[in-house]
N, C-alpha and C. Protein backbone atom coordinates (compact mmCIF):
# COMPACT_ATOMS: atom_id res chain seq x y z
N MET A 1 28.82 -11.90 1.61
CA MET A 1 27.63 -12.07 0.76
C MET A 1 27.97 -12.36 -0.63
N GLU A 2 27.24 -13.31 -1.16
CA GLU A 2 27.43 -13.62 -2.62
C GLU A 2 27.18 -12.34 -3.51
N ASN A 3 27.67 -12.43 -4.73
CA ASN A 3 27.55 -11.40 -5.73
C ASN A 3 26.14 -11.08 -5.84
N LEU A 4 25.79 -9.70 -5.71
CA LEU A 4 24.32 -9.23 -5.73
C LEU A 4 23.74 -9.52 -7.12
N SER A 5 24.41 -9.17 -8.19
CA SER A 5 23.89 -9.31 -9.50
C SER A 5 23.57 -10.72 -9.83
N ALA A 6 24.44 -11.71 -9.43
CA ALA A 6 24.25 -13.05 -9.65
C ALA A 6 23.01 -13.61 -9.02
N ASN A 7 22.57 -12.88 -7.99
CA ASN A 7 21.35 -13.41 -7.25
C ASN A 7 20.06 -12.56 -7.59
N GLY A 8 20.19 -11.65 -8.62
CA GLY A 8 18.97 -10.95 -8.97
C GLY A 8 18.83 -9.63 -8.31
N TYR A 9 19.90 -9.15 -7.65
CA TYR A 9 19.88 -7.85 -6.90
C TYR A 9 20.82 -6.82 -7.64
N GLY A 10 21.04 -5.77 -7.05
CA GLY A 10 21.89 -4.70 -7.65
C GLY A 10 21.29 -4.01 -8.90
N LEU A 11 19.97 -4.26 -9.02
CA LEU A 11 19.18 -3.62 -10.26
C LEU A 11 18.71 -2.34 -9.80
N TRP A 12 19.59 -1.27 -9.63
CA TRP A 12 19.11 0.05 -9.12
C TRP A 12 18.26 0.84 -10.20
N SER A 13 18.41 0.62 -11.33
CA SER A 13 17.47 1.25 -12.29
C SER A 13 16.04 0.83 -12.12
N LEU A 14 15.83 -0.51 -11.73
CA LEU A 14 14.53 -1.02 -11.52
C LEU A 14 13.93 -0.36 -10.17
N VAL A 15 14.82 -0.13 -9.25
CA VAL A 15 14.53 0.42 -8.03
C VAL A 15 13.93 1.78 -8.28
N PHE A 16 14.72 2.58 -9.05
CA PHE A 16 14.35 3.96 -9.36
C PHE A 16 12.99 3.98 -10.17
N ILE A 17 13.00 3.20 -11.12
CA ILE A 17 11.68 3.38 -12.16
C ILE A 17 10.48 2.93 -11.32
N ASN A 18 10.51 1.78 -10.77
CA ASN A 18 9.29 1.35 -9.97
C ASN A 18 8.95 2.24 -8.83
N SER A 19 9.83 2.74 -8.10
CA SER A 19 9.61 3.67 -7.03
C SER A 19 8.97 5.03 -7.63
N PHE A 20 9.56 5.41 -8.64
CA PHE A 20 9.18 6.64 -9.31
C PHE A 20 7.55 6.53 -9.78
N ILE A 21 7.41 5.46 -10.39
CA ILE A 21 5.96 5.21 -10.87
C ILE A 21 4.92 5.26 -9.68
N PHE A 22 5.25 4.48 -8.67
CA PHE A 22 4.28 4.48 -7.51
C PHE A 22 4.12 5.84 -6.82
N ILE A 23 5.33 6.54 -6.64
CA ILE A 23 5.28 7.75 -5.97
C ILE A 23 4.60 8.83 -6.79
N LEU A 24 4.88 8.81 -8.10
CA LEU A 24 4.16 9.77 -9.00
C LEU A 24 2.68 9.43 -8.94
N PHE A 25 2.24 8.28 -8.95
CA PHE A 25 0.79 7.96 -8.90
C PHE A 25 0.24 8.45 -7.58
N ALA A 26 0.89 8.32 -6.46
CA ALA A 26 0.33 8.78 -5.14
C ALA A 26 0.44 10.25 -5.18
N TYR A 27 1.40 10.95 -5.73
CA TYR A 27 1.42 12.35 -5.80
C TYR A 27 0.26 12.91 -6.64
N SER A 28 -0.13 12.20 -7.70
CA SER A 28 -1.16 12.69 -8.60
C SER A 28 -2.62 12.55 -7.79
N PHE A 29 -2.74 11.66 -6.99
CA PHE A 29 -3.88 11.46 -6.36
C PHE A 29 -4.02 11.85 -4.91
N THR A 30 -3.02 12.62 -4.52
CA THR A 30 -3.10 13.08 -3.05
C THR A 30 -3.18 14.59 -2.95
N LYS A 31 -3.99 15.09 -2.05
CA LYS A 31 -4.18 16.55 -1.86
C LYS A 31 -3.21 16.89 -0.69
N LEU A 32 -2.10 17.47 -1.17
CA LEU A 32 -1.07 17.93 -0.30
C LEU A 32 -1.33 19.27 0.30
N LYS A 33 -2.34 19.38 1.17
CA LYS A 33 -2.79 20.77 1.69
C LYS A 33 -2.62 20.89 3.18
N SER A 34 -2.09 19.80 3.85
CA SER A 34 -1.88 19.78 5.30
C SER A 34 -0.69 19.07 5.59
N LYS A 35 -0.22 19.33 6.86
CA LYS A 35 0.99 18.55 7.26
C LYS A 35 0.73 17.10 7.38
N ARG A 36 -0.46 16.63 7.75
CA ARG A 36 -0.79 15.31 7.77
C ARG A 36 -0.89 14.65 6.38
N ASN A 37 -1.30 15.45 5.33
CA ASN A 37 -1.31 15.04 3.98
C ASN A 37 0.11 14.69 3.51
N TRP A 38 1.06 15.68 3.80
CA TRP A 38 2.40 15.52 3.53
C TRP A 38 3.00 14.33 4.23
N LEU A 39 2.62 14.06 5.59
CA LEU A 39 3.17 12.95 6.28
C LEU A 39 2.78 11.70 5.71
N SER A 40 1.56 11.54 5.42
CA SER A 40 1.04 10.30 4.67
C SER A 40 1.66 10.06 3.42
N PHE A 41 1.83 11.06 2.57
CA PHE A 41 2.56 10.91 1.33
C PHE A 41 4.01 10.52 1.47
N THR A 42 4.73 11.16 2.47
CA THR A 42 6.12 10.91 2.70
C THR A 42 6.33 9.43 3.23
N LEU A 43 5.48 8.99 4.13
CA LEU A 43 5.55 7.77 4.76
C LEU A 43 5.26 6.61 3.60
N PHE A 44 4.27 6.88 2.81
CA PHE A 44 3.92 6.01 1.67
C PHE A 44 5.16 5.88 0.83
N SER A 45 5.84 7.05 0.43
CA SER A 45 6.95 7.09 -0.35
C SER A 45 8.13 6.20 0.12
N VAL A 46 8.42 6.35 1.52
CA VAL A 46 9.28 5.65 2.15
C VAL A 46 9.13 4.14 2.04
N PHE A 47 7.88 3.74 2.28
CA PHE A 47 7.40 2.36 2.22
C PHE A 47 7.74 1.78 0.88
N VAL A 48 7.26 2.61 -0.18
CA VAL A 48 7.66 2.16 -1.54
C VAL A 48 9.00 1.85 -1.89
N ILE A 49 9.83 2.97 -1.51
CA ILE A 49 11.33 2.91 -1.84
C ILE A 49 11.89 1.77 -1.14
N ASP A 50 11.60 1.57 0.13
CA ASP A 50 12.29 0.41 0.86
C ASP A 50 11.88 -0.86 0.22
N HIS A 51 10.57 -0.99 -0.17
CA HIS A 51 10.07 -2.24 -0.79
C HIS A 51 10.91 -2.47 -2.09
N PHE A 52 11.12 -1.61 -3.00
CA PHE A 52 11.81 -1.86 -4.15
C PHE A 52 13.33 -1.83 -3.97
N ILE A 53 13.82 -1.27 -2.92
CA ILE A 53 15.24 -1.52 -2.72
C ILE A 53 15.62 -2.91 -2.36
N GLU A 54 14.70 -3.37 -1.45
CA GLU A 54 14.94 -4.72 -1.01
C GLU A 54 14.63 -5.77 -2.01
N MET A 55 13.70 -5.37 -2.93
CA MET A 55 13.30 -6.38 -3.98
C MET A 55 14.30 -6.38 -5.05
N TYR A 56 14.92 -5.34 -5.43
CA TYR A 56 15.85 -5.19 -6.59
C TYR A 56 17.24 -4.67 -6.34
N GLY A 57 17.48 -4.03 -5.11
CA GLY A 57 18.73 -3.46 -4.89
C GLY A 57 19.62 -4.20 -3.89
N PHE A 58 19.22 -4.19 -2.71
CA PHE A 58 19.94 -4.93 -1.57
C PHE A 58 18.96 -5.51 -0.63
N PRO A 59 19.04 -6.86 -0.34
CA PRO A 59 18.12 -7.55 0.48
C PRO A 59 18.43 -7.42 1.97
N PHE A 60 18.21 -6.23 2.55
CA PHE A 60 18.55 -5.82 3.87
C PHE A 60 17.97 -6.70 4.92
N THR A 61 16.69 -7.03 4.68
CA THR A 61 15.99 -7.91 5.75
C THR A 61 16.58 -9.31 5.73
N MET A 62 16.78 -9.82 4.66
CA MET A 62 17.43 -11.27 4.58
C MET A 62 18.78 -11.16 5.08
N TYR A 63 19.54 -10.09 4.91
CA TYR A 63 20.92 -9.99 5.49
C TYR A 63 20.89 -9.84 7.01
N LEU A 64 19.94 -9.09 7.47
CA LEU A 64 19.80 -8.83 8.87
C LEU A 64 19.49 -10.11 9.67
N PHE A 65 18.54 -10.90 9.08
CA PHE A 65 18.22 -12.26 9.73
C PHE A 65 18.87 -13.42 9.24
N SER A 66 19.94 -13.29 8.42
CA SER A 66 20.60 -14.41 7.83
C SER A 66 21.02 -15.42 8.79
N GLY A 67 21.61 -15.04 9.98
CA GLY A 67 21.97 -16.01 11.05
C GLY A 67 20.90 -16.96 11.38
N TRP A 68 19.71 -16.33 11.67
CA TRP A 68 18.62 -17.08 12.15
C TRP A 68 18.00 -17.88 11.21
N LEU A 69 17.94 -17.37 9.91
CA LEU A 69 17.28 -18.14 8.78
C LEU A 69 18.11 -19.24 8.33
N SER A 70 19.52 -19.06 8.37
CA SER A 70 20.42 -20.03 7.91
C SER A 70 20.35 -21.34 8.82
N LYS A 71 19.98 -21.06 10.09
CA LYS A 71 19.91 -22.24 11.00
C LYS A 71 18.61 -23.01 10.74
N LEU A 72 17.52 -22.31 10.42
CA LEU A 72 16.27 -22.95 10.12
C LEU A 72 16.15 -23.51 8.74
N TYR A 73 16.86 -22.91 7.78
CA TYR A 73 16.86 -23.39 6.46
C TYR A 73 18.22 -23.49 5.91
N PRO A 74 19.03 -24.43 6.30
CA PRO A 74 20.47 -24.46 6.08
C PRO A 74 20.77 -24.69 4.56
N ALA A 75 19.85 -25.31 3.87
CA ALA A 75 20.08 -25.56 2.38
C ALA A 75 19.61 -24.39 1.57
N MET A 76 19.07 -23.32 2.08
CA MET A 76 18.46 -22.23 1.28
C MET A 76 19.52 -21.14 1.01
N ASN A 77 19.56 -20.78 -0.21
CA ASN A 77 20.32 -19.61 -0.55
C ASN A 77 19.58 -18.29 -0.18
N LEU A 78 19.98 -17.78 1.00
CA LEU A 78 19.28 -16.61 1.48
C LEU A 78 19.13 -15.42 0.64
N TYR A 79 20.10 -15.31 -0.26
CA TYR A 79 20.33 -14.09 -1.05
C TYR A 79 19.88 -14.28 -2.49
N SER A 80 19.17 -15.37 -2.75
CA SER A 80 18.59 -15.53 -4.06
C SER A 80 17.31 -14.70 -4.11
N HIS A 81 17.13 -14.03 -5.24
CA HIS A 81 15.98 -13.14 -5.44
C HIS A 81 14.66 -13.97 -5.17
N MET A 82 14.71 -15.16 -5.67
CA MET A 82 13.52 -16.00 -5.58
C MET A 82 12.99 -16.15 -4.07
N ASN A 83 13.99 -16.33 -3.24
CA ASN A 83 13.68 -16.63 -1.80
C ASN A 83 13.32 -15.27 -1.07
N GLY A 84 13.39 -14.08 -1.75
CA GLY A 84 12.94 -12.90 -1.08
C GLY A 84 11.50 -12.83 -1.00
N HIS A 85 10.78 -13.68 -1.76
CA HIS A 85 9.34 -13.76 -1.52
C HIS A 85 9.12 -14.57 -0.22
N LEU A 86 9.23 -13.96 0.96
CA LEU A 86 9.49 -14.66 2.19
C LEU A 86 8.20 -15.52 2.55
N PHE A 87 6.99 -15.15 2.35
CA PHE A 87 5.88 -15.85 2.73
C PHE A 87 5.80 -17.17 2.04
N HIS A 88 6.10 -17.08 0.67
CA HIS A 88 6.27 -18.16 -0.31
C HIS A 88 7.36 -19.21 0.22
N THR A 89 8.41 -18.67 0.53
CA THR A 89 9.62 -19.40 0.89
C THR A 89 9.44 -20.04 2.35
N LEU A 90 9.00 -19.23 3.33
CA LEU A 90 9.15 -19.80 4.66
C LEU A 90 7.94 -20.87 4.92
N LEU A 91 6.91 -20.58 4.13
CA LEU A 91 5.74 -21.52 4.28
C LEU A 91 5.86 -22.91 3.44
N GLY A 92 7.10 -22.98 2.76
CA GLY A 92 7.40 -24.24 2.16
C GLY A 92 6.79 -24.37 0.70
N PHE A 93 6.21 -23.33 0.14
CA PHE A 93 5.66 -23.49 -1.19
C PHE A 93 6.81 -23.79 -2.26
N ARG A 94 6.51 -24.49 -3.22
CA ARG A 94 7.55 -24.87 -4.24
C ARG A 94 7.23 -24.18 -5.55
N GLY A 95 8.21 -24.25 -6.37
CA GLY A 95 7.87 -23.62 -7.84
C GLY A 95 8.34 -22.13 -7.73
N ASP A 96 8.16 -21.51 -8.98
CA ASP A 96 8.27 -20.12 -9.15
C ASP A 96 7.40 -19.26 -8.28
N PRO A 97 7.92 -18.46 -7.39
CA PRO A 97 7.07 -17.59 -6.49
C PRO A 97 6.29 -16.66 -7.28
N HIS A 98 6.70 -16.28 -8.51
CA HIS A 98 5.97 -15.27 -9.27
C HIS A 98 4.64 -15.83 -9.81
N LEU A 99 4.45 -17.12 -9.77
CA LEU A 99 3.32 -17.84 -10.14
C LEU A 99 2.64 -18.46 -8.88
N GLY A 100 3.16 -18.22 -7.69
CA GLY A 100 2.52 -18.67 -6.52
C GLY A 100 1.30 -17.85 -5.99
N PHE A 101 0.74 -18.42 -4.92
CA PHE A 101 -0.48 -17.89 -4.39
C PHE A 101 -0.26 -16.46 -3.83
N PHE A 102 0.79 -16.22 -3.06
CA PHE A 102 1.02 -14.96 -2.50
C PHE A 102 1.28 -13.83 -3.49
N HIS A 103 2.02 -14.15 -4.53
CA HIS A 103 2.37 -13.11 -5.52
C HIS A 103 1.07 -12.79 -6.35
N ILE A 104 0.31 -13.74 -6.72
CA ILE A 104 -0.89 -13.46 -7.39
C ILE A 104 -1.90 -12.63 -6.61
N LEU A 105 -1.97 -13.04 -5.37
CA LEU A 105 -2.88 -12.37 -4.35
C LEU A 105 -2.38 -10.95 -4.19
N SER A 106 -1.10 -10.74 -4.07
CA SER A 106 -0.62 -9.42 -3.89
C SER A 106 -0.91 -8.54 -5.08
N LEU A 107 -0.76 -9.11 -6.30
CA LEU A 107 -1.12 -8.32 -7.53
C LEU A 107 -2.60 -7.90 -7.61
N LEU A 108 -3.43 -8.76 -7.17
CA LEU A 108 -4.81 -8.44 -7.03
C LEU A 108 -5.17 -7.31 -6.10
N PHE A 109 -4.49 -7.31 -4.93
CA PHE A 109 -4.62 -6.23 -3.96
C PHE A 109 -4.04 -4.97 -4.50
N ILE A 110 -2.90 -5.03 -5.13
CA ILE A 110 -2.32 -3.78 -5.67
C ILE A 110 -3.09 -3.09 -6.74
N PHE A 111 -3.52 -3.93 -7.68
CA PHE A 111 -4.28 -3.36 -8.81
C PHE A 111 -5.73 -2.95 -8.39
N PHE A 112 -6.29 -3.56 -7.48
CA PHE A 112 -7.54 -3.27 -6.91
C PHE A 112 -7.45 -1.92 -6.13
N GLY A 113 -6.44 -1.82 -5.28
CA GLY A 113 -6.22 -0.64 -4.58
C GLY A 113 -6.03 0.57 -5.52
N LEU A 114 -5.15 0.47 -6.50
CA LEU A 114 -4.91 1.54 -7.46
C LEU A 114 -6.10 1.91 -8.26
N ALA A 115 -6.85 0.88 -8.62
CA ALA A 115 -8.22 1.19 -9.31
C ALA A 115 -9.15 2.01 -8.41
N ILE A 116 -9.22 1.63 -7.15
CA ILE A 116 -10.08 2.47 -6.29
C ILE A 116 -9.71 3.87 -6.16
N ILE A 117 -8.26 4.04 -5.93
CA ILE A 117 -7.75 5.40 -5.85
C ILE A 117 -8.12 6.26 -7.16
N ALA A 118 -7.86 5.69 -8.29
CA ALA A 118 -8.04 6.46 -9.50
C ALA A 118 -9.55 6.73 -9.72
N TYR A 119 -10.38 5.72 -9.56
CA TYR A 119 -11.80 5.88 -9.74
C TYR A 119 -12.48 6.88 -8.73
N GLY A 120 -12.02 6.73 -7.49
CA GLY A 120 -12.42 7.69 -6.47
C GLY A 120 -12.11 9.04 -6.69
N TRP A 121 -10.88 9.25 -7.23
CA TRP A 121 -10.41 10.60 -7.51
C TRP A 121 -11.31 11.24 -8.64
N GLY A 122 -11.63 10.56 -9.66
CA GLY A 122 -12.61 10.96 -10.72
C GLY A 122 -13.90 11.32 -10.18
N VAL A 123 -14.43 10.57 -9.41
CA VAL A 123 -15.72 10.84 -8.70
C VAL A 123 -15.63 12.12 -7.87
N LEU A 124 -14.53 12.16 -7.14
CA LEU A 124 -14.35 13.37 -6.21
C LEU A 124 -14.18 14.63 -6.92
N SER A 125 -13.39 14.59 -7.96
CA SER A 125 -13.12 15.77 -8.80
C SER A 125 -14.35 16.33 -9.40
N GLU A 126 -15.21 15.39 -9.94
CA GLU A 126 -16.46 15.82 -10.64
C GLU A 126 -17.39 16.36 -9.52
N ALA A 127 -17.39 15.87 -8.38
CA ALA A 127 -18.33 16.37 -7.25
C ALA A 127 -17.80 17.70 -6.85
N GLN A 128 -16.58 17.94 -6.67
CA GLN A 128 -15.99 19.28 -6.40
C GLN A 128 -16.37 20.31 -7.37
N LYS A 129 -16.37 19.86 -8.63
CA LYS A 129 -16.72 20.87 -9.70
C LYS A 129 -18.14 21.36 -9.49
N GLN A 130 -18.96 20.44 -9.12
CA GLN A 130 -20.41 20.70 -8.91
C GLN A 130 -20.70 21.28 -7.48
N HIS A 131 -19.61 21.27 -6.71
CA HIS A 131 -19.75 21.75 -5.30
C HIS A 131 -20.78 20.78 -4.57
N GLU A 132 -20.67 19.45 -4.87
CA GLU A 132 -21.54 18.44 -4.16
C GLU A 132 -20.69 17.49 -3.30
N LEU A 133 -21.36 16.79 -2.48
CA LEU A 133 -20.73 15.73 -1.69
C LEU A 133 -20.55 14.58 -2.59
N ALA A 134 -19.41 13.88 -2.59
CA ALA A 134 -19.11 12.77 -3.42
C ALA A 134 -19.82 11.53 -2.73
N ILE A 135 -20.87 10.95 -3.35
CA ILE A 135 -21.61 9.80 -2.76
C ILE A 135 -21.77 8.73 -3.71
N ILE A 136 -21.29 8.73 -4.93
CA ILE A 136 -21.47 7.63 -5.85
C ILE A 136 -20.16 6.87 -6.14
N GLY A 137 -20.23 5.79 -6.96
CA GLY A 137 -19.04 5.13 -7.27
C GLY A 137 -18.50 4.45 -5.93
N PRO A 138 -17.22 4.49 -5.70
CA PRO A 138 -16.64 3.85 -4.47
C PRO A 138 -17.21 4.62 -3.27
N TYR A 139 -17.59 5.89 -3.32
CA TYR A 139 -18.04 6.60 -2.25
C TYR A 139 -19.39 6.18 -1.79
N ALA A 140 -19.99 5.30 -2.54
CA ALA A 140 -21.37 4.70 -2.11
C ALA A 140 -21.05 3.53 -1.22
N PHE A 141 -19.90 3.05 -1.10
CA PHE A 141 -19.51 1.86 -0.27
C PHE A 141 -18.78 2.26 0.94
N VAL A 142 -17.86 3.21 0.84
CA VAL A 142 -17.10 3.73 2.03
C VAL A 142 -16.87 5.20 1.84
N ARG A 143 -16.78 5.93 2.93
CA ARG A 143 -16.67 7.34 2.87
C ARG A 143 -15.18 7.86 2.55
N HIS A 144 -14.22 6.99 2.59
CA HIS A 144 -12.82 7.38 2.29
C HIS A 144 -12.15 6.32 1.45
N PRO A 145 -12.64 6.16 0.17
CA PRO A 145 -12.13 5.03 -0.57
C PRO A 145 -10.69 5.27 -1.02
N GLN A 146 -10.33 6.54 -1.22
CA GLN A 146 -8.87 6.65 -1.65
C GLN A 146 -7.87 6.39 -0.47
N ASN A 147 -8.18 6.70 0.72
CA ASN A 147 -7.35 6.24 1.84
C ASN A 147 -7.39 4.75 1.98
N VAL A 148 -8.55 4.19 1.83
CA VAL A 148 -8.57 2.75 1.85
C VAL A 148 -7.78 2.14 0.73
N GLY A 149 -7.84 2.74 -0.46
CA GLY A 149 -7.04 2.23 -1.57
C GLY A 149 -5.57 2.21 -1.34
N PHE A 150 -5.02 3.27 -0.72
CA PHE A 150 -3.61 3.31 -0.37
C PHE A 150 -3.24 2.23 0.61
N ILE A 151 -4.05 1.99 1.57
CA ILE A 151 -3.83 0.89 2.58
C ILE A 151 -3.86 -0.42 1.82
N ILE A 152 -4.71 -0.67 0.97
CA ILE A 152 -4.83 -1.92 0.21
C ILE A 152 -3.56 -2.13 -0.65
N VAL A 153 -3.12 -1.09 -1.32
CA VAL A 153 -1.89 -1.16 -2.20
C VAL A 153 -0.60 -1.56 -1.33
N MET A 154 -0.55 -0.88 -0.21
CA MET A 154 0.63 -1.19 0.75
C MET A 154 0.48 -2.66 1.29
N PHE A 155 -0.82 -3.11 1.55
CA PHE A 155 -0.89 -4.48 1.96
C PHE A 155 -0.47 -5.45 0.93
N GLY A 156 -0.86 -5.10 -0.33
CA GLY A 156 -0.45 -5.98 -1.45
C GLY A 156 1.08 -6.04 -1.62
N LEU A 157 1.71 -4.87 -1.53
CA LEU A 157 3.15 -4.88 -1.61
C LEU A 157 3.77 -5.71 -0.44
N LEU A 158 3.18 -5.52 0.74
CA LEU A 158 3.64 -6.23 1.99
C LEU A 158 3.75 -7.73 1.84
N ILE A 159 2.57 -8.30 1.34
CA ILE A 159 2.53 -9.76 1.22
C ILE A 159 3.29 -10.31 0.10
N GLN A 160 3.56 -9.41 -0.95
CA GLN A 160 4.39 -9.77 -2.04
C GLN A 160 5.86 -9.96 -1.65
N TRP A 161 6.36 -8.91 -0.89
CA TRP A 161 7.82 -8.91 -0.55
C TRP A 161 7.97 -8.07 0.90
N PRO A 162 7.66 -8.90 1.93
CA PRO A 162 7.79 -8.34 3.27
C PRO A 162 9.18 -8.01 3.63
N THR A 163 9.35 -6.84 4.25
CA THR A 163 10.67 -6.32 4.82
C THR A 163 10.44 -5.84 6.23
N LEU A 164 11.59 -5.78 6.96
CA LEU A 164 11.48 -5.26 8.30
C LEU A 164 10.83 -3.91 8.40
N ILE A 165 11.35 -3.01 7.47
CA ILE A 165 10.93 -1.64 7.56
C ILE A 165 9.46 -1.52 7.16
N THR A 166 9.02 -2.21 6.11
CA THR A 166 7.62 -2.10 5.66
C THR A 166 6.66 -2.65 6.64
N LEU A 167 7.19 -3.78 7.39
CA LEU A 167 6.30 -4.40 8.50
C LEU A 167 6.09 -3.31 9.57
N ILE A 168 7.15 -2.62 9.88
CA ILE A 168 7.09 -1.55 10.88
C ILE A 168 6.18 -0.36 10.41
N LEU A 169 6.39 0.05 9.14
CA LEU A 169 5.75 1.26 8.66
C LEU A 169 4.25 1.01 8.36
N PHE A 170 3.84 -0.28 8.00
CA PHE A 170 2.48 -0.46 7.58
C PHE A 170 1.36 -0.08 8.63
N PRO A 171 1.46 -0.45 9.94
CA PRO A 171 0.59 -0.06 10.88
C PRO A 171 0.56 1.39 11.23
N ILE A 172 1.85 2.05 11.12
CA ILE A 172 1.97 3.47 11.39
C ILE A 172 1.22 4.23 10.29
N ILE A 173 1.49 3.86 9.08
CA ILE A 173 0.85 4.60 7.90
C ILE A 173 -0.68 4.48 7.90
N THR A 174 -1.09 3.21 8.27
CA THR A 174 -2.49 2.96 8.35
C THR A 174 -3.17 3.84 9.38
N ALA A 175 -2.51 4.00 10.56
CA ALA A 175 -2.98 4.88 11.60
C ALA A 175 -3.05 6.39 11.05
N VAL A 176 -2.06 6.80 10.39
CA VAL A 176 -1.98 8.17 9.79
C VAL A 176 -3.21 8.39 8.78
N TYR A 177 -3.39 7.38 8.00
CA TYR A 177 -4.54 7.50 7.03
C TYR A 177 -5.93 7.54 7.76
N ILE A 178 -6.08 6.80 8.83
CA ILE A 178 -7.25 6.77 9.66
C ILE A 178 -7.47 8.15 10.25
N ARG A 179 -6.41 8.66 10.86
CA ARG A 179 -6.49 10.03 11.49
C ARG A 179 -6.81 11.07 10.38
N LEU A 180 -6.21 10.92 9.21
CA LEU A 180 -6.44 11.84 8.14
C LEU A 180 -7.89 11.85 7.69
N SER A 181 -8.50 10.70 7.67
CA SER A 181 -9.88 10.59 7.31
C SER A 181 -10.77 11.31 8.23
N TYR A 182 -10.52 11.20 9.64
CA TYR A 182 -11.26 11.90 10.56
C TYR A 182 -11.18 13.43 10.34
N GLU A 183 -9.95 13.95 10.08
CA GLU A 183 -9.82 15.33 9.84
C GLU A 183 -10.58 15.85 8.59
N GLU A 184 -10.52 14.93 7.51
CA GLU A 184 -11.26 15.28 6.31
C GLU A 184 -12.72 15.42 6.56
N GLU A 185 -13.16 14.63 7.40
CA GLU A 185 -14.66 14.62 7.77
C GLU A 185 -14.93 15.94 8.43
N LYS A 186 -14.16 16.52 9.29
CA LYS A 186 -14.43 17.76 9.90
C LYS A 186 -14.54 18.86 8.84
N ASP A 187 -13.70 18.79 7.79
CA ASP A 187 -13.81 19.78 6.79
C ASP A 187 -14.96 19.63 5.93
N LEU A 188 -15.39 18.36 5.68
CA LEU A 188 -16.69 18.20 4.90
C LEU A 188 -17.92 18.66 5.71
N ILE A 189 -17.98 18.47 6.89
CA ILE A 189 -19.00 18.89 7.80
C ILE A 189 -19.11 20.55 7.74
N LYS A 190 -18.04 21.12 7.65
CA LYS A 190 -17.96 22.66 7.58
C LYS A 190 -18.45 23.03 6.23
N GLU A 191 -18.10 22.28 5.17
CA GLU A 191 -18.42 22.65 3.95
C GLU A 191 -19.84 22.39 3.53
N PHE A 192 -20.31 21.22 3.81
CA PHE A 192 -21.68 20.79 3.40
C PHE A 192 -22.80 20.78 4.55
N GLY A 193 -22.34 21.03 5.71
CA GLY A 193 -23.33 21.10 6.90
C GLY A 193 -23.31 19.79 7.54
N ARG A 194 -23.53 19.80 8.88
CA ARG A 194 -23.60 18.58 9.64
C ARG A 194 -24.72 17.69 9.27
N GLU A 195 -25.91 18.19 9.02
CA GLU A 195 -27.10 17.38 8.73
C GLU A 195 -26.78 16.55 7.36
N GLU A 196 -26.32 17.17 6.31
CA GLU A 196 -26.22 16.47 5.08
C GLU A 196 -25.11 15.40 5.23
N TYR A 197 -24.03 15.79 5.90
CA TYR A 197 -22.90 14.91 5.94
C TYR A 197 -23.28 13.76 6.83
N GLU A 198 -23.95 13.94 8.00
CA GLU A 198 -24.31 12.83 8.89
C GLU A 198 -25.33 11.93 8.30
N THR A 199 -26.23 12.45 7.43
CA THR A 199 -27.10 11.51 6.67
C THR A 199 -26.41 10.61 5.85
N TYR A 200 -25.35 11.22 5.08
CA TYR A 200 -24.45 10.28 4.26
C TYR A 200 -23.71 9.30 5.16
N ALA A 201 -23.18 9.84 6.27
CA ALA A 201 -22.27 8.99 7.11
C ALA A 201 -23.15 7.82 7.65
N LYS A 202 -24.39 8.12 7.99
CA LYS A 202 -25.31 7.19 8.67
C LYS A 202 -25.54 5.92 7.67
N ASN A 203 -25.61 6.12 6.39
CA ASN A 203 -25.79 5.07 5.45
C ASN A 203 -24.52 4.54 4.82
N THR A 204 -23.42 5.05 5.09
CA THR A 204 -22.21 4.61 4.40
C THR A 204 -21.04 4.55 5.37
N PRO A 205 -20.48 3.30 5.53
CA PRO A 205 -19.38 3.01 6.48
C PRO A 205 -18.19 3.89 6.25
N MET A 206 -17.38 4.10 7.19
CA MET A 206 -16.09 4.90 7.00
C MET A 206 -15.09 4.07 6.22
N PHE A 207 -14.74 2.88 6.54
CA PHE A 207 -13.64 2.25 5.84
C PHE A 207 -14.04 0.78 5.26
N ILE A 208 -14.85 0.12 6.00
CA ILE A 208 -15.18 -1.30 5.62
C ILE A 208 -16.57 -1.38 5.00
N PRO A 209 -16.77 -1.77 3.78
CA PRO A 209 -18.15 -1.89 3.19
C PRO A 209 -18.95 -2.84 3.95
N ARG A 210 -20.25 -2.62 3.94
CA ARG A 210 -21.07 -3.42 4.78
C ARG A 210 -21.05 -4.90 4.43
N PHE A 211 -20.95 -5.20 3.19
CA PHE A 211 -20.92 -6.62 2.78
C PHE A 211 -19.70 -7.32 3.15
N LEU A 212 -18.69 -6.65 3.69
CA LEU A 212 -17.50 -7.29 4.19
C LEU A 212 -17.58 -7.45 5.71
N LYS A 213 -18.48 -6.80 6.39
CA LYS A 213 -18.58 -6.85 7.82
C LYS A 213 -19.37 -8.26 8.24
N PRO A 214 -18.86 -8.77 9.33
CA PRO A 214 -19.41 -10.07 9.87
C PRO A 214 -20.90 -9.80 10.22
């Protein structure tokens, strides 16, 4: 393999800084009160760490599939950081991938997901202080906005820089968040009563806002 630093890799300080920021954010807005909470947080952390390792540290996915990719794209420098934006590269887009469609789209997903998580946490915290059911803000559109937010963030990271491990982890973590949401609803029914919660649930979708449904 060519020199990592010459190709934009080997930047382990960026791996640590970016991973730390995302994991600290997740920790700040995750209630680690059950094994499933810890599982979702741990899997999200692994997802983030692998994402930034392959983005700035070592391009494991490109290395693993180098034989196949070199046959399809013989003129491509597989270990160039620019070509790590796989969707941009494999679909034949030209120019700086940081200014390309997939990178910009990924940033929109990431920041939108982070905003939902932070806003939802504020609404939830205030509702808990008042011992009320959170039904305003993002909770007026879906019943589990924070879990949806984490899934959106991961999707944004995935389309920005897909790796073998994150492609495997994404559906697994999504399933964990969905299962976690069902468990949270059982706790909310116990706390606020079945009638009150089912009235809210009847008018508010679980994950997908009504204006996005076909």
